Each structure stands twice: as structure tokens, then as C-alpha cells.
Amino acid sequence: MPQIKKFPWDIIGTTVLGASHKRHGFPNQDFLFYYKKGIFFLSISDGHGSRKYFRSHIGSRLAVFAAEEVIKEFTEKMDNTTNLSSIKEYAELRLPQSIIREWEKNVRNDLKSNPFQERELTFLEKNEGISVRKQLENNPIIAYGATLLSVFITNTYILYLQLGDGDILIVSEEGETSRPFPKDERLIANETTSLITKDAWKEFRVQFQRLSENPPALILVSSDGYANSFCDEESFLQIGSDFLTLIRADGLKKVEQNLRSWLEEASEKGCGDDISLGIISRIQLANRPLPMLI
């Protein structure tokens, strides 16, 4: 497993039940997971909200662990490879398919140990109609529908992966915020690509960044509930500079202590959806002032 040498990082993150879901007794359909052993890995999955995706809160958890398993195997396989171009090519060609296969395997295992209950299908038929019930009986994986965002960092590169909505933001040391991927104009209203999309691996977006090329100060990963709680894109992108200022002033630990309450407030005042946010930070940035911009 590659060890971090040149660029030390740290990760914080949390997920909160949406204000609307809390009022209606729905579970949190987001799942966030990270670890900091050997590589730095952060992943968020957002389960779909419609009734026919009644196990999406399970699907999101299975998605994150599928990504973790595949990426762990990938980094072990690439451990002795020094050709970054080869690593990039392998990641783009193989990781999406491997993640989809691993997720589908996880879902089938869950269905085997916990098959659909008649009450689940009866409720679905009552609310969505017999055709939707038959659709799920023919293809039960649909009930687990979810999106996926993952970032992992080794000592030489960062890899960003995204399927569906949600946001990955890169923040420079000057506080400038950008995206590793352009906005997908197909993702409007409640439409999104997904792990259950036909040939879903083709819909994955993968971005490779060499760490020798201006490594970011922060990487923010969030489910779409966060961006949807802002009035516009400009206001949302401002969080990059805001979090950088807070971390430099107060340190990452202080931000972590307040993160849950900030996200709960954003959901309550915003879209009411579940919100997950993970922050990857180069830890030596704490307590350094922002450079003056002239």
C-alpha cells in the first residue's frame, strides 16, 4: 500500500438527516465513509428518494463499501507502478466497471439474506402501481438505486470519481474554487445517472491529478442536498473559500466540531434533503492566513 510522504492530509466529514426526512420519518439515504490508512479515501453515496427505491439507504452504504474495496485492490495492484500514465489509463478503463460489479454483488448478497417482504411490495403497488411492482420483481436491484462520489489520494496522485449528482470541489491555496468535472447538464430536477443506469460504468466520470501539479489546499465532497440548499451556483462555490478561511483561522478540529450543526441548519433553511459533506485538507494549512490578493 503506498504511503503518504510528501503531502500530509487529514479528513473530516459527517452526514445529517434532512429536515424534511426527519419530519416524515424517513431514513437518511446518504452514506459517508472515509479512512486515512495507507491512502486517503473519502466516498459519499446518495440513495434515490422515490418510493420505488425503498432500499436506497442500503444501496448507498453498499456503494461506498464497493468503492472502498475496489480502490483498495487497485492501489495495491498499482503499488509498484511508477508510470503515472499507466495508472491513469488503468483507472479510467477498469475502476468504473469493477465498482459496478462489486456493488451489484453486494446488492445480490443483501437480497439473498433479506429478500423483499410482501408488505414492501404491497405498499409499493398501492402507491406506485402494479407496473412498478412488476418492474422491481423482475429487476430488484432498482430498489437500491444510488449515486456515488469518491476521492482517493496516494503519495503521487489524486483520483476523482463521480456517478450521478453531488459535488466535488477543489480549493486552491489562494481560495479559488473549481470542479474536477464540468457540470453535467443532464442532471436537472430529480434526474440523475445512477448505479442502476443501464451500462452505468459508461456514465462514470474519472479525473486523474498528479500531485506534482499544484496540489489543492482542500477537496470538498458533498451530496446534492448541500448545493440544493444554496440559492445559486456562485453562492455554493463560495463555501470553498469560506472553509479554507475557517480552517486556517481555527484549525480543522474546530470546523469538525461545528460541521453537523452547520449542515443541519443548511437543510432546515434550504431544500430539506439529507446532506453529507467530507473535507480533505492538507493539514499544515491550519492557522495560516490567506494570502493577500492584489
C-alpha atoms as a PDB file:
ATOM      1  CA  MET A   1       0.000   0.000   0.000  1.00  0.00           C
ATOM      2  CA  PRO A   2       1.528   3.377  -0.973  1.00  0.00           C
ATOM      3  CA  GLN A   3       2.465   5.596   1.959  1.00  0.00           C
ATOM      4  CA  ILE A   4       1.882   9.356   2.105  1.00  0.00           C
ATOM      5  CA  LYS A   5       5.264  11.081   2.272  1.00  0.00           C
ATOM      6  CA  LYS A   6       5.335  14.466   0.594  1.00  0.00           C
ATOM      7  CA  PHE A   7       1.868  15.873   1.235  1.00  0.00           C
ATOM      8  CA  PRO A   8       0.228  15.232   4.628  1.00  0.00           C
ATOM      9  CA  TRP A   9      -3.559  15.324   4.596  1.00  0.00           C
ATOM     10  CA  ASP A  10      -6.447  14.980   7.009  1.00  0.00           C
ATOM     11  CA  ILE A  11     -10.139  14.228   6.510  1.00  0.00           C
ATOM     12  CA  ILE A  12     -13.304  15.169   8.357  1.00  0.00           C
ATOM     13  CA  GLY A  13     -16.903  14.576   7.366  1.00  0.00           C
ATOM     14  CA  THR A  14     -20.418  13.946   8.519  1.00  0.00           C
ATOM     15  CA  THR A  15     -23.892  13.217   7.221  1.00  0.00           C
ATOM     16  CA  VAL A  16     -27.161  14.607   8.606  1.00  0.00           C
ATOM     17  CA  LEU A  17     -30.747  13.537   8.230  1.00  0.00           C
ATOM     18  CA  GLY A  18     -32.639  16.042   6.109  1.00  0.00           C
ATOM     19  CA  ALA A  19     -35.171  18.306   7.796  1.00  0.00           C
ATOM     20  CA  SER A  20     -37.929  17.027   5.503  1.00  0.00           C
ATOM     21  CA  HIS A  21     -36.979  13.379   6.067  1.00  0.00           C
ATOM     22  CA  LYS A  22     -36.923  13.993   9.811  1.00  0.00           C
ATOM     23  CA  ARG A  23     -40.446  15.394   9.743  1.00  0.00           C
ATOM     24  CA  HIS A  24     -41.782  12.472   7.690  1.00  0.00           C
ATOM     25  CA  GLY A  25     -39.911   9.697   9.480  1.00  0.00           C
ATOM     26  CA  PHE A  26     -37.712   8.722   6.528  1.00  0.00           C
ATOM     27  CA  PRO A  27     -34.205   7.322   6.986  1.00  0.00           C
ATOM     28  CA  ASN A  28     -31.051   9.119   5.926  1.00  0.00           C
ATOM     29  CA  GLN A  29     -30.439   7.898   2.383  1.00  0.00           C
ATOM     30  CA  ASP A  30     -26.890   9.319   2.277  1.00  0.00           C
ATOM     31  CA  PHE A  31     -23.853   7.368   3.387  1.00  0.00           C
ATOM     32  CA  LEU A  32     -20.389   8.831   4.001  1.00  0.00           C
ATOM     33  CA  PHE A  33     -17.208   6.945   4.791  1.00  0.00           C
ATOM     34  CA  TYR A  34     -13.522   7.815   4.910  1.00  0.00           C
ATOM     35  CA  TYR A  35     -10.245   6.381   6.119  1.00  0.00           C
ATOM     36  CA  LYS A  36      -6.656   7.555   6.431  1.00  0.00           C
ATOM     37  CA  LYS A  37      -4.569   4.379   6.382  1.00  0.00           C
ATOM     38  CA  GLY A  38      -2.024   3.973   3.607  1.00  0.00           C
ATOM     39  CA  ILE A  39      -4.097   6.110   1.269  1.00  0.00           C
ATOM     40  CA  PHE A  40      -6.624   8.840   1.961  1.00  0.00           C
ATOM     41  CA  PHE A  41     -10.086   7.775   0.845  1.00  0.00           C
ATOM     42  CA  LEU A  42     -13.418   9.628   1.034  1.00  0.00           C
ATOM     43  CA  SER A  43     -16.678   8.497  -0.527  1.00  0.00           C
ATOM     44  CA  ILE A  44     -20.315   9.608  -0.426  1.00  0.00           C
ATOM     45  CA  SER A  45     -23.327   7.875  -1.903  1.00  0.00           C
ATOM     46  CA  ASP A  46     -26.837   9.333  -2.067  1.00  0.00           C
ATOM     47  CA  GLY A  47     -29.731   6.893  -2.284  1.00  0.00           C
ATOM     48  CA  HIS A  48     -32.602   7.875  -4.572  1.00  0.00           C
ATOM     49  CA  GLY A  49     -35.643   9.327  -2.887  1.00  0.00           C
ATOM     50  CA  SER A  50     -38.658   7.979  -4.795  1.00  0.00           C
ATOM     51  CA  ARG A  51     -40.736   5.201  -3.271  1.00  0.00           C
ATOM     52  CA  LYS A  52     -39.602   2.523  -5.714  1.00  0.00           C
ATOM     53  CA  TYR A  53     -36.060   2.958  -4.380  1.00  0.00           C
ATOM     54  CA  PHE A  54     -37.193   1.816  -0.953  1.00  0.00           C
ATOM     55  CA  ARG A  55     -33.821   0.249  -0.147  1.00  0.00           C
ATOM     56  CA  SER A  56     -31.670   3.090  -1.431  1.00  0.00           C
ATOM     57  CA  HIS A  57     -30.426   3.810   2.110  1.00  0.00           C
ATOM     58  CA  ILE A  58     -28.909   0.325   1.980  1.00  0.00           C
ATOM     59  CA  GLY A  59     -27.780   0.758  -1.620  1.00  0.00           C
ATOM     60  CA  SER A  60     -25.805   3.881  -0.714  1.00  0.00           C
ATOM     61  CA  ARG A  61     -23.944   2.075   2.060  1.00  0.00           C
ATOM     62  CA  LEU A  62     -23.173  -0.874  -0.214  1.00  0.00           C
ATOM     63  CA  ALA A  63     -21.956   1.540  -2.909  1.00  0.00           C
ATOM     64  CA  VAL A  64     -19.404   3.221  -0.659  1.00  0.00           C
ATOM     65  CA  PHE A  65     -18.039  -0.098   0.569  1.00  0.00           C
ATOM     66  CA  ALA A  66     -17.880  -1.385  -3.005  1.00  0.00           C
ATOM     67  CA  ALA A  67     -15.790   1.650  -3.968  1.00  0.00           C
ATOM     68  CA  GLU A  68     -13.574   1.163  -0.922  1.00  0.00           C
ATOM     69  CA  GLU A  69     -12.894  -2.477  -1.743  1.00  0.00           C
ATOM     70  CA  VAL A  70     -12.176  -1.847  -5.421  1.00  0.00           C
ATOM     71  CA  ILE A  71      -9.932   1.153  -4.762  1.00  0.00           C
ATOM     72  CA  LYS A  72      -8.017  -0.716  -2.077  1.00  0.00           C
ATOM     73  CA  GLU A  73      -7.323  -3.538  -4.538  1.00  0.00           C
ATOM     74  CA  PHE A  74      -6.426  -1.008  -7.231  1.00  0.00           C
ATOM     75  CA  THR A  75      -3.843   0.816  -5.104  1.00  0.00           C
ATOM     76  CA  GLU A  76      -2.291  -2.476  -4.014  1.00  0.00           C
ATOM     77  CA  LYS A  77      -2.054  -3.580  -7.640  1.00  0.00           C
ATOM     78  CA  MET A  78      -0.509  -0.263  -8.661  1.00  0.00           C
ATOM     79  CA  ASP A  79       1.811  -0.039  -5.634  1.00  0.00           C
ATOM     80  CA  ASN A  80       4.998  -0.739  -7.589  1.00  0.00           C
ATOM     81  CA  THR A  81       3.965   1.077 -10.757  1.00  0.00           C
ATOM     82  CA  THR A  82       5.858   4.323 -11.268  1.00  0.00           C
ATOM     83  CA  ASN A  83       4.357   5.166 -14.666  1.00  0.00           C
ATOM     84  CA  LEU A  84       1.535   7.547 -13.765  1.00  0.00           C
ATOM     85  CA  SER A  85       0.165   7.490 -17.311  1.00  0.00           C
ATOM     86  CA  SER A  86      -0.372   3.744 -16.985  1.00  0.00           C
ATOM     87  CA  ILE A  87      -2.102   4.194 -13.644  1.00  0.00           C
ATOM     88  CA  LYS A  88      -4.376   6.866 -15.125  1.00  0.00           C
ATOM     89  CA  GLU A  89      -5.295   4.700 -18.095  1.00  0.00           C
ATOM     90  CA  TYR A  90      -5.962   1.648 -15.946  1.00  0.00           C
ATOM     91  CA  ALA A  91      -8.122   3.683 -13.556  1.00  0.00           C
ATOM     92  CA  GLU A  92     -10.234   5.137 -16.350  1.00  0.00           C
ATOM     93  CA  LEU A  93     -10.761   1.786 -18.064  1.00  0.00           C
ATOM     94  CA  ARG A  94     -11.153  -0.583 -15.127  1.00  0.00           C
ATOM     95  CA  LEU A  95     -12.336   1.155 -11.964  1.00  0.00           C
ATOM     96  CA  PRO A  96     -15.899   2.043 -13.074  1.00  0.00           C
ATOM     97  CA  GLN A  97     -16.671  -1.495 -14.235  1.00  0.00           C
ATOM     98  CA  SER A  98     -15.114  -3.023 -11.126  1.00  0.00           C
ATOM     99  CA  ILE A  99     -17.106  -0.759  -8.804  1.00  0.00           C
ATOM    100  CA  ILE A 100     -20.383  -1.557 -10.559  1.00  0.00           C
ATOM    101  CA  ARG A 101     -19.698  -5.316 -10.392  1.00  0.00           C
ATOM    102  CA  GLU A 102     -18.771  -5.114  -6.711  1.00  0.00           C
ATOM    103  CA  TRP A 103     -21.864  -3.050  -5.875  1.00  0.00           C
ATOM    104  CA  GLU A 104     -24.188  -5.416  -7.738  1.00  0.00           C
ATOM    105  CA  LYS A 105     -22.605  -8.359  -5.929  1.00  0.00           C
ATOM    106  CA  ASN A 106     -23.183  -6.608  -2.596  1.00  0.00           C
ATOM    107  CA  VAL A 107     -26.814  -5.915  -3.507  1.00  0.00           C
ATOM    108  CA  ARG A 108     -27.455  -9.523  -4.551  1.00  0.00           C
ATOM    109  CA  ASN A 109     -25.972 -10.719  -1.264  1.00  0.00           C
ATOM    110  CA  ASP A 110     -28.248  -8.360   0.645  1.00  0.00           C
ATOM    111  CA  LEU A 111     -31.277  -9.577  -1.290  1.00  0.00           C
ATOM    112  CA  LYS A 112     -30.323 -13.172  -0.569  1.00  0.00           C
ATOM    113  CA  SER A 113     -30.150 -12.566   3.175  1.00  0.00           C
ATOM    114  CA  ASN A 114     -33.035 -10.081   3.221  1.00  0.00           C
ATOM    115  CA  PRO A 115     -35.473 -10.755   0.342  1.00  0.00           C
ATOM    116  CA  PHE A 116     -38.306  -8.360  -0.387  1.00  0.00           C
ATOM    117  CA  GLN A 117     -41.177  -8.635   2.063  1.00  0.00           C
ATOM    118  CA  GLU A 118     -44.740  -8.800   0.823  1.00  0.00           C
ATOM    119  CA  ARG A 119     -45.578  -5.691   2.833  1.00  0.00           C
ATOM    120  CA  GLU A 120     -42.852  -3.761   0.976  1.00  0.00           C
ATOM    121  CA  LEU A 121     -44.211  -4.805  -2.407  1.00  0.00           C
ATOM    122  CA  THR A 122     -47.838  -4.235  -1.411  1.00  0.00           C
ATOM    123  CA  PHE A 123     -47.016  -0.718  -0.211  1.00  0.00           C
ATOM    124  CA  LEU A 124     -45.132  -0.066  -3.436  1.00  0.00           C
ATOM    125  CA  GLU A 125     -48.008  -1.299  -5.600  1.00  0.00           C
ATOM    126  CA  LYS A 126     -50.516   0.800  -3.647  1.00  0.00           C
ATOM    127  CA  ASN A 127     -48.504   3.994  -4.127  1.00  0.00           C
ATOM    128  CA  GLU A 128     -46.791   3.463  -7.491  1.00  0.00           C
ATOM    129  CA  GLY A 129     -48.950   0.948  -9.315  1.00  0.00           C
ATOM    130  CA  ILE A 130     -48.688  -2.682 -10.373  1.00  0.00           C
ATOM    131  CA  SER A 131     -46.286  -1.922 -13.231  1.00  0.00           C
ATOM    132  CA  VAL A 132     -43.647  -0.565 -10.819  1.00  0.00           C
ATOM    133  CA  ARG A 133     -44.059  -3.606  -8.574  1.00  0.00           C
ATOM    134  CA  LYS A 134     -43.504  -5.924 -11.532  1.00  0.00           C
ATOM    135  CA  GLN A 135     -40.500  -3.870 -12.617  1.00  0.00           C
ATOM    136  CA  LEU A 136     -38.839  -4.427  -9.242  1.00  0.00           C
ATOM    137  CA  GLU A 137     -39.800  -8.079  -9.113  1.00  0.00           C
ATOM    138  CA  ASN A 138     -38.045  -8.516 -12.464  1.00  0.00           C
ATOM    139  CA  ASN A 139     -35.055  -6.350 -11.513  1.00  0.00           C
ATOM    140  CA  PRO A 140     -34.869  -5.978  -7.712  1.00  0.00           C
ATOM    141  CA  ILE A 141     -31.546  -4.087  -7.852  1.00  0.00           C
ATOM    142  CA  ILE A 142     -33.576  -0.990  -8.807  1.00  0.00           C
ATOM    143  CA  ALA A 143     -34.777  -0.676  -5.207  1.00  0.00           C
ATOM    144  CA  TYR A 144     -31.184   0.042  -4.136  1.00  0.00           C
ATOM    145  CA  GLY A 145     -30.559   2.917  -6.585  1.00  0.00           C
ATOM    146  CA  ALA A 146     -27.883   5.406  -5.578  1.00  0.00           C
ATOM    147  CA  THR A 147     -25.195   7.773  -6.840  1.00  0.00           C
ATOM    148  CA  LEU A 148     -21.501   7.689  -5.944  1.00  0.00           C
ATOM    149  CA  LEU A 149     -18.657  10.169  -5.417  1.00  0.00           C
ATOM    150  CA  SER A 150     -15.170   9.033  -4.404  1.00  0.00           C
ATOM    151  CA  VAL A 151     -11.776  10.670  -3.994  1.00  0.00           C
ATOM    152  CA  PHE A 152      -8.555   8.974  -3.032  1.00  0.00           C
ATOM    153  CA  ILE A 153      -5.027  10.260  -2.628  1.00  0.00           C
ATOM    154  CA  THR A 154      -1.714   8.421  -2.768  1.00  0.00           C
ATOM    155  CA  ASN A 155       1.742   9.936  -2.443  1.00  0.00           C
ATOM    156  CA  THR A 156       1.860  10.749  -6.174  1.00  0.00           C
ATOM    157  CA  TYR A 157      -1.673  11.360  -7.442  1.00  0.00           C
ATOM    158  CA  ILE A 158      -5.308  12.112  -6.689  1.00  0.00           C
ATOM    159  CA  LEU A 159      -8.160  10.297  -8.385  1.00  0.00           C
ATOM    160  CA  TYR A 160     -11.696  11.695  -8.521  1.00  0.00           C
ATOM    161  CA  LEU A 161     -14.698   9.533  -9.487  1.00  0.00           C
ATOM    162  CA  GLN A 162     -18.318  10.567  -9.891  1.00  0.00           C
ATOM    163  CA  LEU A 163     -21.509   8.869 -10.992  1.00  0.00           C
ATOM    164  CA  GLY A 164     -24.663  10.943 -10.724  1.00  0.00           C
ATOM    165  CA  ASP A 165     -25.335  14.185  -8.909  1.00  0.00           C
ATOM    166  CA  GLY A 166     -23.492  15.620  -5.936  1.00  0.00           C
ATOM    167  CA  ASP A 167     -20.420  17.820  -5.942  1.00  0.00           C
ATOM    168  CA  ILE A 168     -16.648  17.612  -5.755  1.00  0.00           C
ATOM    169  CA  LEU A 169     -14.913  20.958  -5.304  1.00  0.00           C
ATOM    170  CA  ILE A 170     -11.191  21.702  -5.420  1.00  0.00           C
ATOM    171  CA  VAL A 171      -9.922  24.722  -3.470  1.00  0.00           C
ATOM    172  CA  SER A 172      -6.522  26.237  -4.238  1.00  0.00           C
ATOM    173  CA  GLU A 173      -4.236  27.851  -1.669  1.00  0.00           C
ATOM    174  CA  GLU A 174      -5.498  31.229  -2.928  1.00  0.00           C
ATOM    175  CA  GLY A 175      -9.077  30.223  -2.112  1.00  0.00           C
ATOM    176  CA  GLU A 176     -10.162  29.744  -5.728  1.00  0.00           C
ATOM    177  CA  THR A 177     -12.766  27.011  -6.094  1.00  0.00           C
ATOM    178  CA  SER A 178     -13.156  24.803  -9.163  1.00  0.00           C
ATOM    179  CA  ARG A 179     -14.552  21.434 -10.160  1.00  0.00           C
ATOM    180  CA  PRO A 180     -12.640  18.419 -11.469  1.00  0.00           C
ATOM    181  CA  PHE A 181     -15.621  17.788 -13.764  1.00  0.00           C
ATOM    182  CA  PRO A 182     -17.865  20.247 -15.617  1.00  0.00           C
ATOM    183  CA  LYS A 183     -21.464  20.370 -14.515  1.00  0.00           C
ATOM    184  CA  ASP A 184     -23.488  17.588 -16.147  1.00  0.00           C
ATOM    185  CA  GLU A 185     -26.361  19.435 -17.819  1.00  0.00           C
ATOM    186  CA  ARG A 186     -28.423  16.238 -17.939  1.00  0.00           C
ATOM    187  CA  LEU A 187     -28.767  16.269 -14.156  1.00  0.00           C
ATOM    188  CA  ILE A 188     -31.780  18.530 -13.783  1.00  0.00           C
ATOM    189  CA  ALA A 189     -34.713  18.402 -11.365  1.00  0.00           C
ATOM    190  CA  ASN A 190     -34.706  14.859  -9.939  1.00  0.00           C
ATOM    191  CA  GLU A 191     -32.989  13.244 -12.916  1.00  0.00           C
ATOM    192  CA  THR A 192     -29.561  11.702 -12.367  1.00  0.00           C
ATOM    193  CA  THR A 193     -27.312   8.987 -13.660  1.00  0.00           C
ATOM    194  CA  SER A 194     -27.014   6.174 -11.179  1.00  0.00           C
ATOM    195  CA  LEU A 195     -25.566   2.815 -10.255  1.00  0.00           C
ATOM    196  CA  ILE A 196     -28.742   1.281 -11.694  1.00  0.00           C
ATOM    197  CA  THR A 197     -28.450   3.099 -15.040  1.00  0.00           C
ATOM    198  CA  LYS A 198     -28.023   0.746 -17.996  1.00  0.00           C
ATOM    199  CA  ASP A 199     -24.277   0.353 -18.635  1.00  0.00           C
ATOM    200  CA  ALA A 200     -23.681   2.553 -15.605  1.00  0.00           C
ATOM    201  CA  TRP A 201     -19.918   2.167 -15.843  1.00  0.00           C
ATOM    202  CA  LYS A 202     -20.003   4.241 -19.042  1.00  0.00           C
ATOM    203  CA  GLU A 203     -21.549   7.136 -17.101  1.00  0.00           C
ATOM    204  CA  PHE A 204     -18.712   7.337 -14.561  1.00  0.00           C
ATOM    205  CA  ARG A 205     -16.530  10.409 -14.767  1.00  0.00           C
ATOM    206  CA  VAL A 206     -12.902   9.901 -13.769  1.00  0.00           C
ATOM    207  CA  GLN A 207     -10.285  12.616 -13.302  1.00  0.00           C
ATOM    208  CA  PHE A 208      -6.609  11.979 -12.560  1.00  0.00           C
ATOM    209  CA  GLN A 209      -4.372  14.643 -10.996  1.00  0.00           C
ATOM    210  CA  ARG A 210      -0.628  14.366 -10.438  1.00  0.00           C
ATOM    211  CA  LEU A 211       0.322  15.684  -7.030  1.00  0.00           C
ATOM    212  CA  SER A 212       3.287  17.464  -8.566  1.00  0.00           C
ATOM    213  CA  GLU A 213       0.829  19.765 -10.336  1.00  0.00           C
ATOM    214  CA  ASN A 214      -0.383  22.337  -7.773  1.00  0.00           C
ATOM    215  CA  PRO A 215      -1.969  20.059  -5.168  1.00  0.00           C
ATOM    216  CA  PRO A 216      -5.202  21.503  -3.753  1.00  0.00           C
ATOM    217  CA  ALA A 217      -5.470  23.028  -0.319  1.00  0.00           C
ATOM    218  CA  LEU A 218      -8.901  21.465   0.181  1.00  0.00           C
ATOM    219  CA  ILE A 219     -11.141  18.962  -1.560  1.00  0.00           C
ATOM    220  CA  LEU A 220     -14.847  19.121  -0.656  1.00  0.00           C
ATOM    221  CA  VAL A 221     -17.191  16.231  -1.458  1.00  0.00           C
ATOM    222  CA  SER A 222     -20.933  16.618  -0.864  1.00  0.00           C
ATOM    223  CA  SER A 223     -24.252  15.051  -1.711  1.00  0.00           C
ATOM    224  CA  ASP A 224     -26.592  17.186  -3.823  1.00  0.00           C
ATOM    225  CA  GLY A 225     -28.610  18.230  -0.782  1.00  0.00           C
ATOM    226  CA  TYR A 226     -25.879  20.692   0.124  1.00  0.00           C
ATOM    227  CA  ALA A 227     -25.722  22.558  -3.204  1.00  0.00           C
ATOM    228  CA  ASN A 228     -29.521  22.492  -3.409  1.00  0.00           C
ATOM    229  CA  SER A 229     -29.667  24.445  -0.141  1.00  0.00           C
ATOM    230  CA  PHE A 230     -27.988  27.464  -1.787  1.00  0.00           C
ATOM    231  CA  CYS A 231     -29.745  29.992  -3.971  1.00  0.00           C
ATOM    232  CA  ASP A 232     -27.308  29.699  -6.873  1.00  0.00           C
ATOM    233  CA  GLU A 233     -24.022  28.213  -8.086  1.00  0.00           C
ATOM    234  CA  GLU A 234     -21.954  31.253  -7.112  1.00  0.00           C
ATOM    235  CA  SER A 235     -23.184  31.125  -3.522  1.00  0.00           C
ATOM    236  CA  PHE A 236     -22.430  27.418  -3.300  1.00  0.00           C
ATOM    237  CA  LEU A 237     -18.902  27.737  -4.709  1.00  0.00           C
ATOM    238  CA  GLN A 238     -18.165  30.388  -2.078  1.00  0.00           C
ATOM    239  CA  ILE A 239     -18.053  27.606   0.545  1.00  0.00           C
ATOM    240  CA  GLY A 240     -14.624  26.621  -0.775  1.00  0.00           C
ATOM    241  CA  SER A 241     -13.021  29.902   0.229  1.00  0.00           C
ATOM    242  CA  ASP A 242     -15.136  30.067   3.403  1.00  0.00           C
ATOM    243  CA  PHE A 243     -13.993  26.672   4.655  1.00  0.00           C
ATOM    244  CA  LEU A 244     -10.382  27.433   3.796  1.00  0.00           C
ATOM    245  CA  THR A 245     -10.566  30.658   5.813  1.00  0.00           C
ATOM    246  CA  LEU A 246     -12.155  28.846   8.773  1.00  0.00           C
ATOM    247  CA  ILE A 247      -9.614  26.024   8.748  1.00  0.00           C
ATOM    248  CA  ARG A 248      -6.700  28.428   8.562  1.00  0.00           C
ATOM    249  CA  ALA A 249      -8.091  30.555  11.363  1.00  0.00           C
ATOM    250  CA  ASP A 250      -9.427  27.923  13.768  1.00  0.00           C
ATOM    251  CA  GLY A 251      -7.995  24.588  12.618  1.00  0.00           C
ATOM    252  CA  LEU A 252      -9.701  21.538  11.168  1.00  0.00           C
ATOM    253  CA  LYS A 253     -10.774  20.160  14.549  1.00  0.00           C
ATOM    254  CA  LYS A 254     -12.846  23.250  15.307  1.00  0.00           C
ATOM    255  CA  VAL A 255     -14.561  23.024  11.922  1.00  0.00           C
ATOM    256  CA  GLU A 256     -15.278  19.353  12.577  1.00  0.00           C
ATOM    257  CA  GLN A 257     -16.942  20.208  15.903  1.00  0.00           C
ATOM    258  CA  ASN A 258     -19.363  22.589  14.178  1.00  0.00           C
ATOM    259  CA  LEU A 259     -19.918  20.744  10.920  1.00  0.00           C
ATOM    260  CA  ARG A 260     -23.021  18.800  11.931  1.00  0.00           C
ATOM    261  CA  SER A 261     -24.893  21.846  13.203  1.00  0.00           C
ATOM    262  CA  TRP A 262     -23.973  23.832  10.071  1.00  0.00           C
ATOM    263  CA  LEU A 263     -25.301  21.094   7.787  1.00  0.00           C
ATOM    264  CA  GLU A 264     -28.483  20.682   9.823  1.00  0.00           C
ATOM    265  CA  GLU A 265     -29.085  24.409   9.547  1.00  0.00           C
ATOM    266  CA  ALA A 266     -28.452  24.289   5.785  1.00  0.00           C
ATOM    267  CA  SER A 267     -31.011  21.512   5.362  1.00  0.00           C
ATOM    268  CA  GLU A 268     -33.590  23.244   7.557  1.00  0.00           C
ATOM    269  CA  LYS A 269     -33.274  26.565   5.749  1.00  0.00           C
ATOM    270  CA  GLY A 270     -32.650  25.041   2.342  1.00  0.00           C
ATOM    271  CA  CYS A 271     -34.038  22.063   0.449  1.00  0.00           C
ATOM    272  CA  GLY A 272     -34.768  19.827   3.452  1.00  0.00           C
ATOM    273  CA  ASP A 273     -32.813  16.924   1.957  1.00  0.00           C
ATOM    274  CA  ASP A 274     -30.173  14.778   3.632  1.00  0.00           C
ATOM    275  CA  ILE A 275     -26.765  16.440   3.440  1.00  0.00           C
ATOM    276  CA  SER A 276     -23.333  14.834   3.556  1.00  0.00           C
ATOM    277  CA  LEU A 277     -20.056  16.727   3.415  1.00  0.00           C
ATOM    278  CA  GLY A 278     -16.497  15.471   3.574  1.00  0.00           C
ATOM    279  CA  ILE A 279     -13.426  17.717   3.623  1.00  0.00           C
ATOM    280  CA  ILE A 280      -9.922  16.609   2.702  1.00  0.00           C
ATOM    281  CA  SER A 281      -7.366  19.150   3.899  1.00  0.00           C
ATOM    282  CA  ARG A 282      -3.610  19.490   3.703  1.00  0.00           C
ATOM    283  CA  ILE A 283      -3.162  19.664   7.462  1.00  0.00           C
ATOM    284  CA  GLN A 284      -0.233  22.083   7.518  1.00  0.00           C
ATOM    285  CA  LEU A 285      -2.610  24.818   6.322  1.00  0.00           C
ATOM    286  CA  ALA A 286      -4.201  25.294   9.736  1.00  0.00           C
ATOM    287  CA  ASN A 287      -3.613  28.730  11.246  1.00  0.00           C
ATOM    288  CA  ARG A 288      -2.002  30.151   8.098  1.00  0.00           C
ATOM    289  CA  PRO A 289      -3.630  33.385   6.863  1.00  0.00           C
ATOM    290  CA  LEU A 290      -4.980  33.636   3.375  1.00  0.00           C
ATOM    291  CA  PRO A 291      -2.541  35.328   1.008  1.00  0.00           C
ATOM    292  CA  MET A 292      -3.435  38.889   0.051  1.00  0.00           C
ATOM    293  CA  LEU A 293      -4.894  39.163  -3.424  1.00  0.00           C
ATOM    294  CA  ILE A 294      -3.849  42.259  -5.360  1.00  0.00           C
END
